[in-house]
Amino acid sequence: CLALRLALIQLGKKAIVACVDPVP
């Protein structure tokens, strides 16, 4: 998710990552 988010931002798109649980 985080890699794809960075890639989408690089492409000029908007992106957020969502998860119900906290990051370990």
PDB file of all heavy atoms in Angstrom:
ATOM      1  N   CYS A   1       0.826  -1.217   0.000  1.00  0.00           N
ATOM      2  CA  CYS A   1       0.000   0.000   0.000  1.00  0.00           C
ATOM      3  C   CYS A   1       0.854   1.258   0.000  1.00  0.00           C
ATOM      4  O   CYS A   1       0.611   2.200  -0.775  1.00  0.00           O
ATOM      5  CB  CYS A   1      -0.916   0.009   1.225  1.00  0.00           C
ATOM      6  SG  CYS A   1      -2.370  -1.050   1.125  1.00  0.00           S
ATOM      7  N   LEU A   2       1.854   1.284   0.874  1.00  0.00           N
ATOM      8  CA  LEU A   2       2.679   2.488   1.001  1.00  0.00           C
ATOM      9  C   LEU A   2       3.518   2.722  -0.251  1.00  0.00           C
ATOM     10  O   LEU A   2       3.719   3.874  -0.670  1.00  0.00           O
ATOM     11  CB  LEU A   2       3.559   2.380   2.240  1.00  0.00           C
ATOM     12  CG  LEU A   2       2.795   2.448   3.574  1.00  0.00           C
ATOM     13  CD1 LEU A   2       3.709   2.075   4.731  1.00  0.00           C
ATOM     14  CD2 LEU A   2       2.188   3.834   3.788  1.00  0.00           C
ATOM     15  N   ALA A   3       4.010   1.654  -0.870  1.00  0.00           N
ATOM     16  CA  ALA A   3       4.764   1.804  -2.110  1.00  0.00           C
ATOM     17  C   ALA A   3       3.877   2.347  -3.225  1.00  0.00           C
ATOM     18  O   ALA A   3       4.272   3.256  -3.977  1.00  0.00           O
ATOM     19  CB  ALA A   3       5.370   0.464  -2.527  1.00  0.00           C
ATOM     20  N   LEU A   4       2.664   1.806  -3.343  1.00  0.00           N
ATOM     21  CA  LEU A   4       1.751   2.278  -4.383  1.00  0.00           C
ATOM     22  C   LEU A   4       1.326   3.720  -4.118  1.00  0.00           C
ATOM     23  O   LEU A   4       1.184   4.511  -5.062  1.00  0.00           O
ATOM     24  CB  LEU A   4       0.535   1.353  -4.471  1.00  0.00           C
ATOM     25  CG  LEU A   4      -0.468   1.669  -5.585  1.00  0.00           C
ATOM     26  CD1 LEU A   4       0.208   1.741  -6.946  1.00  0.00           C
ATOM     27  CD2 LEU A   4      -1.594   0.625  -5.599  1.00  0.00           C
ATOM     28  N   ARG A   5       1.138   4.070  -2.854  1.00  0.00           N
ATOM     29  CA  ARG A   5       0.796   5.465  -2.522  1.00  0.00           C
ATOM     30  C   ARG A   5       1.886   6.417  -3.010  1.00  0.00           C
ATOM     31  O   ARG A   5       1.594   7.434  -3.657  1.00  0.00           O
ATOM     32  CB  ARG A   5       0.619   5.623  -1.013  1.00  0.00           C
ATOM     33  CG  ARG A   5       0.522   7.073  -0.540  1.00  0.00           C
ATOM     34  CD  ARG A   5       0.475   7.184   0.967  1.00  0.00           C
ATOM     35  NE  ARG A   5       0.619   8.569   1.388  1.00  0.00           N
ATOM     36  CZ  ARG A   5       1.777   9.156   1.645  1.00  0.00           C
ATOM     37  NH1 ARG A   5       2.918   8.470   1.519  1.00  0.00           N
ATOM     38  NH2 ARG A   5       1.824  10.426   2.026  1.00  0.00           N
ATOM     39  N   LEU A   6       3.136   6.103  -2.720  1.00  0.00           N
ATOM     40  CA  LEU A   6       4.242   6.962  -3.157  1.00  0.00           C
ATOM     41  C   LEU A   6       4.301   7.048  -4.683  1.00  0.00           C
ATOM     42  O   LEU A   6       4.586   8.112  -5.250  1.00  0.00           O
ATOM     43  CB  LEU A   6       5.559   6.430  -2.599  1.00  0.00           C
ATOM     44  CG  LEU A   6       5.754   6.566  -1.084  1.00  0.00           C
ATOM     45  CD1 LEU A   6       6.998   5.801  -0.634  1.00  0.00           C
ATOM     46  CD2 LEU A   6       5.861   8.039  -0.685  1.00  0.00           C
ATOM     47  N   ALA A   7       4.022   5.934  -5.343  1.00  0.00           N
ATOM     48  CA  ALA A   7       4.039   5.921  -6.808  1.00  0.00           C
ATOM     49  C   ALA A   7       2.926   6.783  -7.387  1.00  0.00           C
ATOM     50  O   ALA A   7       3.142   7.540  -8.358  1.00  0.00           O
ATOM     51  CB  ALA A   7       3.903   4.487  -7.307  1.00  0.00           C
ATOM     52  N   LEU A   8       1.733   6.703  -6.806  1.00  0.00           N
ATOM     53  CA  LEU A   8       0.608   7.490  -7.312  1.00  0.00           C
ATOM     54  C   LEU A   8       0.860   8.979  -7.122  1.00  0.00           C
ATOM     55  O   LEU A   8       0.540   9.797  -7.998  1.00  0.00           O
ATOM     56  CB  LEU A   8      -0.681   7.061  -6.600  1.00  0.00           C
ATOM     57  CG  LEU A   8      -1.172   5.651  -6.940  1.00  0.00           C
ATOM     58  CD1 LEU A   8      -2.346   5.261  -6.057  1.00  0.00           C
ATOM     59  CD2 LEU A   8      -1.566   5.548  -8.406  1.00  0.00           C
ATOM     60  N   ILE A   9       1.445   9.348  -5.999  1.00  0.00           N
ATOM     61  CA  ILE A   9       1.800  10.754  -5.766  1.00  0.00           C
ATOM     62  C   ILE A   9       2.835  11.207  -6.799  1.00  0.00           C
ATOM     63  O   ILE A   9       2.757  12.312  -7.333  1.00  0.00           O
ATOM     64  CB  ILE A   9       2.321  10.939  -4.331  1.00  0.00           C
ATOM     65  CG1 ILE A   9       1.178  10.720  -3.327  1.00  0.00           C
ATOM     66  CG2 ILE A   9       2.946  12.322  -4.147  1.00  0.00           C
ATOM     67  CD1 ILE A   9       1.610  10.682  -1.881  1.00  0.00           C
ATOM     68  N   GLN A  10       3.795  10.327  -7.082  1.00  0.00           N
ATOM     69  CA  GLN A  10       4.799  10.639  -8.103  1.00  0.00           C
ATOM     70  C   GLN A  10       4.147  10.891  -9.456  1.00  0.00           C
ATOM     71  O   GLN A  10       4.623  11.711 -10.250  1.00  0.00           O
ATOM     72  CB  GLN A  10       5.793   9.469  -8.196  1.00  0.00           C
ATOM     73  CG  GLN A  10       6.997   9.728  -9.064  1.00  0.00           C
ATOM     74  CD  GLN A  10       7.918   8.518  -9.156  1.00  0.00           C
ATOM     75  OE1 GLN A  10       8.281   8.089 -10.251  1.00  0.00           O
ATOM     76  NE2 GLN A  10       8.305   7.957  -8.023  1.00  0.00           N
ATOM     77  N   LEU A  11       3.038  10.198  -9.729  1.00  0.00           N
ATOM     78  CA  LEU A  11       2.324  10.351 -10.995  1.00  0.00           C
ATOM     79  C   LEU A  11       1.361  11.533 -10.983  1.00  0.00           C
ATOM     80  O   LEU A  11       0.625  11.748 -11.963  1.00  0.00           O
ATOM     81  CB  LEU A  11       1.557   9.066 -11.316  1.00  0.00           C
ATOM     82  CG  LEU A  11       2.409   7.832 -11.627  1.00  0.00           C
ATOM     83  CD1 LEU A  11       1.541   6.576 -11.699  1.00  0.00           C
ATOM     84  CD2 LEU A  11       3.184   8.016 -12.925  1.00  0.00           C
ATOM     85  N   GLY A  12       1.328  12.282  -9.875  1.00  0.00           N
ATOM     86  CA  GLY A  12       0.473  13.448  -9.795  1.00  0.00           C
ATOM     87  C   GLY A  12      -0.940  13.145  -9.360  1.00  0.00           C
ATOM     88  O   GLY A  12      -1.840  13.992  -9.514  1.00  0.00           O
ATOM     89  N   LYS A  13      -1.153  11.972  -8.796  1.00  0.00           N
ATOM     90  CA  LYS A  13      -2.485  11.583  -8.338  1.00  0.00           C
ATOM     91  C   LYS A  13      -2.577  11.712  -6.818  1.00  0.00           C
ATOM     92  O   LYS A  13      -1.562  11.849  -6.121  1.00  0.00           O
ATOM     93  CB  LYS A  13      -2.786  10.143  -8.768  1.00  0.00           C
ATOM     94  CG  LYS A  13      -2.781   9.955 -10.291  1.00  0.00           C
ATOM     95  CD  LYS A  13      -2.975   8.507 -10.672  1.00  0.00           C
ATOM     96  CE  LYS A  13      -2.858   8.289 -12.177  1.00  0.00           C
ATOM     97  NZ  LYS A  13      -4.025   8.817 -12.921  1.00  0.00           N
ATOM     98  N   LYS A  14      -3.805  11.660  -6.290  1.00  0.00           N
ATOM     99  CA  LYS A  14      -4.030  11.696  -4.849  1.00  0.00           C
ATOM    100  C   LYS A  14      -4.219  10.270  -4.338  1.00  0.00           C
ATOM    101  O   LYS A  14      -4.870   9.449  -5.007  1.00  0.00           O
ATOM    102  CB  LYS A  14      -5.270  12.536  -4.525  1.00  0.00           C
ATOM    103  CG  LYS A  14      -5.126  14.014  -4.848  1.00  0.00           C
ATOM    104  CD  LYS A  14      -6.461  14.742  -4.693  1.00  0.00           C
ATOM    105  CE  LYS A  14      -6.998  14.662  -3.273  1.00  0.00           C
ATOM    106  NZ  LYS A  14      -8.276  15.397  -3.130  1.00  0.00           N
ATOM    107  N   ALA A  15      -3.663   9.984  -3.160  1.00  0.00           N
ATOM    108  CA  ALA A  15      -3.808   8.632  -2.617  1.00  0.00           C
ATOM    109  C   ALA A  15      -3.633   8.649  -1.106  1.00  0.00           C
ATOM    110  O   ALA A  15      -2.765   9.347  -0.580  1.00  0.00           O
ATOM    111  CB  ALA A  15      -2.781   7.692  -3.252  1.00  0.00           C
ATOM    112  N   ILE A  16      -4.483   7.877  -0.430  1.00  0.00           N
ATOM    113  CA  ILE A  16      -4.339   7.642   1.003  1.00  0.00           C
ATOM    114  C   ILE A  16      -4.336   6.134   1.232  1.00  0.00           C
ATOM    115  O   ILE A  16      -4.846   5.357   0.417  1.00  0.00           O
ATOM    116  CB  ILE A  16      -5.473   8.280   1.828  1.00  0.00           C
ATOM    117  CG1 ILE A  16      -6.844   7.724   1.393  1.00  0.00           C
ATOM    118  CG2 ILE A  16      -5.430   9.794   1.724  1.00  0.00           C
ATOM    119  CD1 ILE A  16      -7.981   8.147   2.308  1.00  0.00           C
ATOM    120  N   VAL A  17      -3.733   5.723   2.342  1.00  0.00           N
ATOM    121  CA  VAL A  17      -3.751   4.317   2.757  1.00  0.00           C
ATOM    122  C   VAL A  17      -4.638   4.213   3.985  1.00  0.00           C
ATOM    123  O   VAL A  17      -4.508   5.009   4.924  1.00  0.00           O
ATOM    124  CB  VAL A  17      -2.339   3.800   3.074  1.00  0.00           C
ATOM    125  CG1 VAL A  17      -2.397   2.371   3.613  1.00  0.00           C
ATOM    126  CG2 VAL A  17      -1.457   3.867   1.836  1.00  0.00           C
ATOM    127  N   ALA A  18      -5.540   3.232   3.989  1.00  0.00           N
ATOM    128  CA  ALA A  18      -6.461   3.056   5.112  1.00  0.00           C
ATOM    129  C   ALA A  18      -6.345   1.646   5.674  1.00  0.00           C
ATOM    130  O   ALA A  18      -6.227   0.673   4.929  1.00  0.00           O
ATOM    131  CB  ALA A  18      -7.894   3.333   4.664  1.00  0.00           C
ATOM    132  N   CYS A  19      -6.401   1.547   6.993  1.00  0.00           N
ATOM    133  CA  CYS A  19      -6.370   0.251   7.681  1.00  0.00           C
ATOM    134  C   CYS A  19      -7.074   0.421   9.021  1.00  0.00           C
ATOM    135  O   CYS A  19      -6.839   1.412   9.724  1.00  0.00           O
ATOM    136  CB  CYS A  19      -4.931  -0.210   7.892  1.00  0.00           C
ATOM    137  SG  CYS A  19      -4.786  -1.835   8.694  1.00  0.00           S
ATOM    138  N   VAL A  20      -7.922  -0.519   9.396  1.00  0.00           N
ATOM    139  CA  VAL A  20      -8.658  -0.378  10.654  1.00  0.00           C
ATOM    140  C   VAL A  20      -7.745  -0.488  11.872  1.00  0.00           C
ATOM    141  O   VAL A  20      -8.022   0.098  12.918  1.00  0.00           O
ATOM    142  CB  VAL A  20      -9.791  -1.424  10.775  1.00  0.00           C
ATOM    143  CG1 VAL A  20     -10.881  -1.158   9.771  1.00  0.00           C
ATOM    144  CG2 VAL A  20      -9.261  -2.844  10.651  1.00  0.00           C
ATOM    145  N   ASP A  21      -6.653  -1.216  11.750  1.00  0.00           N
ATOM    146  CA  ASP A  21      -5.774  -1.451  12.894  1.00  0.00           C
ATOM    147  C   ASP A  21      -4.527  -0.578  12.807  1.00  0.00           C
ATOM    148  O   ASP A  21      -4.092  -0.177  11.723  1.00  0.00           O
ATOM    149  CB  ASP A  21      -5.364  -2.929  12.958  1.00  0.00           C
ATOM    150  CG  ASP A  21      -6.520  -3.829  13.360  1.00  0.00           C
ATOM    151  OD1 ASP A  21      -7.372  -3.374  14.143  1.00  0.00           O
ATOM    152  OD2 ASP A  21      -6.571  -4.977  12.891  1.00  0.00           O
ATOM    153  N   PRO A  22      -3.903  -0.313  13.964  1.00  0.00           N
ATOM    154  CA  PRO A  22      -2.678   0.486  13.953  1.00  0.00           C
ATOM    155  C   PRO A  22      -1.525  -0.247  13.285  1.00  0.00           C
ATOM    156  O   PRO A  22      -1.535  -1.483  13.169  1.00  0.00           O
ATOM    157  CB  PRO A  22      -2.378   0.711  15.445  1.00  0.00           C
ATOM    158  CG  PRO A  22      -3.459   0.081  16.219  1.00  0.00           C
ATOM    159  CD  PRO A  22      -4.327  -0.703  15.301  1.00  0.00           C
ATOM    160  N   VAL A  23      -0.535   0.519  12.857  1.00  0.00           N
ATOM    161  CA  VAL A  23       0.672  -0.076  12.283  1.00  0.00           C
ATOM    162  C   VAL A  23       1.458  -0.762  13.403  1.00  0.00           C
ATOM    163  O   VAL A  23       1.729  -0.145  14.427  1.00  0.00           O
ATOM    164  CB  VAL A  23       1.545   1.013  11.621  1.00  0.00           C
ATOM    165  CG1 VAL A  23       2.830   0.405  11.075  1.00  0.00           C
ATOM    166  CG2 VAL A  23       0.764   1.724  10.525  1.00  0.00           C
ATOM    167  N   PRO A  24       1.818  -2.038  13.227  1.00  0.00           N
ATOM    168  CA  PRO A  24       2.624  -2.712  14.254  1.00  0.00           C
ATOM    169  C   PRO A  24       3.943  -1.981  14.473  1.00  0.00           C
ATOM    170  O   PRO A  24       4.508  -1.413  13.525  1.00  0.00           O
ATOM    171  CB  PRO A  24       2.851  -4.111  13.659  1.00  0.00           C
ATOM    172  CG  PRO A  24       1.789  -4.287  12.636  1.00  0.00           C
ATOM    173  CD  PRO A  24       1.499  -2.926  12.089  1.00  0.00           C
TER     174      PRO A  24
END
